[in-house]
Every structure is written in structure tokens, then in C-alpha cells.
């Protein structure tokens, strides 16, 4: 792979990873409520899911998935249902205020880190638009005369660094802004706002159309 091709790929990935979406919102929410470490676990889950999608698209399986209406719809509706579930759970929360713990100054978190990883994985892997994006993206940059393994390593490593970096930025921003939540009544407002955003994201995801 020549340097010019990599620069173009880097710019495309920069736009993709920097753009806010369900995964970045989830990482920011986790950072606000539970601190940066929990946001980090969530980011890792999302990264693993999207990297898997990237790998499937690179190997050609993404084309089959994107062209299968049944598979596309299963992924789409499961992802939409999970986002809506997160939104309804947030809105239905009876928390009026968050209490900082003694160690990190963040809201108390009693959930196992693995659950945060799984939550990030589900949100990251449930958006079929990622499959469509990578399926359309890779043919533009792959050189069939060069080593596919080498190109795969470069593509994936570049994506993983950029994706994880941006997700951690969102998680850090959430953790940094969490202090305002400790005022009485703000937890309820925050849950209502994020719940509404998650439900809206789920509704929009459910209307995604398969590429023809």
C-alpha cells in the first residue's frame, strides 16, 4: 500500500470515527454516570464489534450480509430494539440524584465490567450501516496486486487506533462533565435526555434501508 492511499483511507476513517453515533453516546453516558473506567470497558466492547464487522467486510462476507435482506433486517431490528430498551430503562429510572463514591468521585457503579463490555459490543455491532460503509469503502482502497494480509493489517490497525481514541475522548468528556450531575434532580433530567436520544437512535436505525 502506498502512502497516498493510506492518507485517503485515514481521512475517511477520521470522519467516520469522529462523528457522534450510538456507540460514542453510550461511552459518554457511561463516563458521566460511572466514570472513565466504565466508559473504557464500553469502548472496548464497541471496538471489538466494529472491528469484527470490518474484518467480515474485508473478507467479502460483508457483501453477503449487506445483500441479504433477512440478515440485514435481523441485525437492524435487534440493534434498534436494544437502543430503545436502553432509552426506556433510562427514562423509567427513579434516580433523582447521583452520589459520588469515596474513591473516584463518580456515581456508584455496581455492574460487572463485563456487562459494560457486552453493552458496548451490542451497540457497536448492531448497526448494519457499518457493514454497508465498510463494504463500500474497502474496494476503493484495496490493491489486488499487493499483499491482502498486509493491507488488512494496515486497514485494521489504523481503524482500531482511531476508533478507540475517539470513543475514549467521548468517555473522558463524559467523566469530566459528571460533577454537575451530583446536584439534586439532575440525574432524572440526564436520564430523560439520554433516554430520549437512545430511543430516537433506535427508531432511526429501524428505518435503515438495505443497499440495492
Protein backbone atom coordinates (compact mmCIF):
# COMPACT_ATOMS: atom_id res chain seq x y z
CA UNK A 1 0.00 0.00 0.00
CA UNK A 2 1.42 3.37 -0.97
CA UNK A 3 1.38 6.34 1.40
CA UNK A 4 -1.11 8.40 -0.64
CA UNK A 5 -3.68 5.61 -0.47
CA UNK A 6 -3.22 5.31 3.28
CA UNK A 7 -3.69 9.07 3.76
CA UNK A 8 -7.01 8.96 1.88
CA UNK A 9 -8.11 5.95 3.95
CA UNK A 10 -7.04 7.72 7.15
CA UNK A 11 -9.14 10.78 6.27
CA UNK A 12 -12.18 8.61 5.56
CA UNK A 13 -11.77 6.77 8.87
CA UNK A 14 -11.19 10.04 10.71
CA UNK A 15 -14.57 11.35 9.58
CA UNK A 16 -16.26 8.03 10.38
CA UNK A 17 -14.82 7.61 13.88
CA UNK A 18 -15.09 11.27 14.93
CA UNK A 19 -18.77 11.50 14.01
CA UNK A 20 -21.02 11.00 17.06
CA UNK A 21 -23.23 7.93 17.00
CA UNK A 22 -24.87 5.41 19.34
CA UNK A 23 -21.51 3.98 20.49
CA UNK A 24 -20.00 7.37 21.29
CA UNK A 25 -23.18 8.41 23.08
CA UNK A 26 -23.13 5.22 25.12
CA UNK A 27 -19.47 5.72 26.08
CA UNK A 28 -20.14 9.31 27.08
CA UNK A 29 -23.16 8.29 29.13
CA UNK A 30 -21.16 5.60 30.93
CA UNK A 31 -18.42 8.16 31.57
CA UNK A 32 -20.87 10.64 33.05
CA UNK A 33 -22.68 8.19 35.29
CA UNK A 34 -19.96 5.72 36.24
CA UNK A 35 -16.58 7.25 35.39
CA UNK A 36 -13.93 6.88 32.73
CA UNK A 37 -13.02 3.27 33.56
CA UNK A 38 -16.52 2.03 32.83
CA UNK A 39 -16.53 4.11 29.65
CA UNK A 40 -13.28 2.40 28.72
CA UNK A 41 -14.81 -1.07 29.10
CA UNK A 42 -17.75 0.04 26.96
CA UNK A 43 -15.43 1.45 24.30
CA UNK A 44 -13.51 -1.84 24.13
CA UNK A 45 -16.75 -3.75 23.53
CA UNK A 46 -17.80 -1.41 20.76
CA UNK A 47 -14.33 -1.53 19.21
CA UNK A 48 -14.32 -5.34 19.13
CA UNK A 49 -17.74 -5.44 17.47
CA UNK A 50 -16.95 -2.89 14.78
CA UNK A 51 -13.55 -4.46 14.12
CA UNK A 52 -15.35 -7.76 13.55
CA UNK A 53 -17.63 -6.03 11.05
CA UNK A 54 -14.57 -4.53 9.37
CA UNK A 55 -12.97 -7.98 9.11
CA UNK A 56 -16.13 -9.53 7.66
CA UNK A 57 -16.36 -6.76 5.09
CA UNK A 58 -12.70 -7.13 4.13
CA UNK A 59 -13.04 -10.87 3.60
CA UNK A 60 -16.14 -10.44 1.45
CA UNK A 61 -18.65 -11.76 3.97
CA UNK A 62 -19.89 -8.23 4.49
CA UNK A 63 -21.15 -8.17 0.92
CA UNK A 64 -23.23 -11.29 1.53
CA UNK A 65 -24.60 -9.89 4.79
CA UNK A 66 -25.37 -6.50 3.27
CA UNK A 67 -27.15 -8.09 0.30
CA UNK A 68 -29.24 -10.46 2.44
CA UNK A 69 -32.48 -8.76 3.35
CA UNK A 70 -33.25 -11.23 6.14
CA UNK A 71 -29.83 -10.94 7.80
CA UNK A 72 -29.81 -7.18 7.39
CA UNK A 73 -33.24 -6.84 8.99
CA UNK A 74 -32.37 -9.15 11.88
CA UNK A 75 -29.30 -7.07 12.73
CA UNK A 76 -31.21 -3.85 12.21
CA UNK A 77 -34.20 -4.67 14.42
CA UNK A 78 -32.16 -6.28 17.18
CA UNK A 79 -29.96 -3.21 17.34
CA UNK A 80 -32.92 -0.85 17.27
CA UNK A 81 -34.70 -2.84 19.99
CA UNK A 82 -31.64 -2.74 22.26
CA UNK A 83 -31.19 1.02 21.84
CA UNK A 84 -34.87 1.59 22.58
CA UNK A 85 -34.57 -0.70 25.62
CA UNK A 86 -31.67 1.40 26.93
CA UNK A 87 -33.72 4.55 26.38
CA UNK A 88 -36.84 3.24 28.11
CA UNK A 89 -34.77 1.99 31.04
CA UNK A 90 -33.13 5.40 31.42
CA UNK A 91 -36.42 7.28 31.27
CA UNK A 92 -38.07 4.87 33.71
CA UNK A 93 -35.22 5.25 36.23
CA UNK A 94 -36.38 6.66 39.56
CA UNK A 95 -32.98 8.15 40.42
CA UNK A 96 -33.28 11.79 41.41
CA UNK A 97 -29.58 12.34 42.09
CA UNK A 98 -26.26 10.53 41.85
CA UNK A 99 -23.98 10.08 44.82
CA UNK A 100 -20.21 10.24 44.32
CA UNK A 101 -18.25 7.33 45.77
CA UNK A 102 -15.26 7.76 48.07
CA UNK A 103 -12.62 6.58 45.59
CA UNK A 104 -13.27 8.12 42.23
CA UNK A 105 -15.76 10.87 42.88
CA UNK A 106 -18.14 9.33 40.38
CA UNK A 107 -21.54 7.79 40.75
CA UNK A 108 -21.50 4.39 42.38
CA UNK A 109 -21.39 1.54 39.87
CA UNK A 110 -22.24 -1.99 40.90
CA UNK A 111 -22.35 -3.62 37.45
CA UNK A 112 -19.65 -6.09 36.46
CA UNK A 113 -17.26 -4.57 33.85
CA UNK A 114 -18.04 -7.49 31.52
CA UNK A 115 -21.62 -6.25 31.29
CA UNK A 116 -20.37 -2.85 30.14
CA UNK A 117 -18.18 -4.56 27.54
CA UNK A 118 -21.16 -6.57 26.30
CA UNK A 119 -23.32 -3.46 26.21
CA UNK A 120 -20.73 -1.70 24.05
CA UNK A 121 -20.37 -4.77 21.85
CA UNK A 122 -24.12 -4.97 21.21
CA UNK A 123 -24.44 -1.30 20.33
CA UNK A 124 -21.28 -1.33 18.21
CA UNK A 125 -22.23 -4.47 16.32
CA UNK A 126 -25.93 -3.85 15.86
CA UNK A 127 -25.73 -1.06 13.30
CA UNK A 128 -25.91 -2.57 9.81
CA UNK A 129 -24.84 0.76 8.36
CA UNK A 130 -21.31 -0.09 9.47
CA UNK A 131 -21.40 -3.19 7.26
CA UNK A 132 -22.63 -1.15 4.32
CA UNK A 133 -20.00 1.52 4.90
CA UNK A 134 -17.06 -0.87 5.07
CA UNK A 135 -18.38 -2.92 2.16
CA UNK A 136 -18.43 0.21 0.02
CA UNK A 137 -15.19 1.60 1.45
CA UNK A 138 -12.66 -1.20 1.09
CA UNK A 139 -12.93 -1.77 -2.67
CA UNK A 140 -11.87 1.85 -3.15
CA UNK A 141 -8.54 1.28 -1.38
CA UNK A 142 -7.62 -2.39 -1.87
CA UNK A 143 -4.86 -3.08 -4.36
CA UNK A 144 -5.46 -6.62 -5.73
CA UNK A 145 -1.84 -6.85 -6.88
CA UNK A 146 -0.44 -6.25 -3.37
CA UNK A 147 -0.50 -8.47 -0.29
CA UNK A 148 -4.04 -8.61 1.06
CA UNK A 149 -2.81 -9.61 4.51
CA UNK A 150 -0.54 -6.57 4.70
CA UNK A 151 -3.34 -4.28 3.58
CA UNK A 152 -5.71 -5.85 6.11
CA UNK A 153 -3.25 -5.26 8.94
CA UNK A 154 -2.79 -1.62 7.94
CA UNK A 155 -6.52 -1.00 7.49
CA UNK A 156 -7.49 -2.64 10.77
CA UNK A 157 -4.72 -1.14 12.89
CA UNK A 158 -5.47 2.34 11.58
CA UNK A 159 -9.16 1.93 12.26
CA UNK A 160 -8.68 0.46 15.74
CA UNK A 161 -6.40 3.30 16.86
CA UNK A 162 -8.76 5.98 15.55
CA UNK A 163 -11.97 4.34 16.77
CA UNK A 164 -10.70 3.63 20.28
CA UNK A 165 -9.17 7.10 20.56
CA UNK A 166 -12.43 8.86 19.72
CA UNK A 167 -14.55 6.61 21.92
CA UNK A 168 -12.21 7.31 24.83
CA UNK A 169 -12.43 11.02 24.09
CA UNK A 170 -16.21 10.81 24.44
CA UNK A 171 -15.88 8.73 27.62
CA UNK A 172 -13.41 11.24 29.06
CA UNK A 173 -15.64 14.16 28.19
CA UNK A 174 -18.47 12.41 29.99
CA UNK A 175 -16.33 11.72 33.05
CA UNK A 176 -15.09 15.30 33.13
CA UNK A 177 -18.62 16.72 32.96
CA UNK A 178 -20.09 14.38 35.56
CA UNK A 179 -19.72 16.74 38.52
CA UNK A 180 -22.82 18.73 37.56
CA UNK A 181 -24.92 15.56 37.93
CA UNK A 182 -24.38 15.49 41.69
CA UNK A 183 -26.86 18.32 42.18
CA UNK A 184 -30.28 17.10 43.29
CA UNK A 185 -32.69 16.39 40.45
CA UNK A 186 -30.15 16.46 37.64
CA UNK A 187 -29.86 12.69 37.41
CA UNK A 188 -33.52 12.49 36.43
CA UNK A 189 -33.05 15.19 33.78
CA UNK A 190 -29.95 13.46 32.40
CA UNK A 191 -31.77 10.10 32.22
CA UNK A 192 -34.68 11.70 30.39
CA UNK A 193 -32.40 13.37 27.84
CA UNK A 194 -30.19 10.35 27.15
CA UNK A 195 -33.22 8.05 27.15
CA UNK A 196 -34.88 10.18 24.51
CA UNK A 197 -31.72 10.19 22.39
CA UNK A 198 -31.35 6.40 22.61
CA UNK A 199 -34.99 5.86 21.65
CA UNK A 200 -34.61 8.28 18.74
CA UNK A 201 -31.44 6.48 17.60
CA UNK A 202 -33.25 3.14 17.78
CA UNK A 203 -36.18 4.49 15.80
CA UNK A 204 -33.87 5.89 13.11
CA UNK A 205 -31.93 2.63 12.96
CA UNK A 206 -35.14 0.69 12.39
CA UNK A 207 -35.75 2.69 9.21
CA UNK A 208 -32.35 1.85 7.70
CA UNK A 209 -32.66 0.60 4.15
CA UNK A 210 -30.58 -2.21 2.68
CA UNK A 211 -28.31 -1.20 -0.19
CA UNK A 212 -29.75 -2.26 -3.53
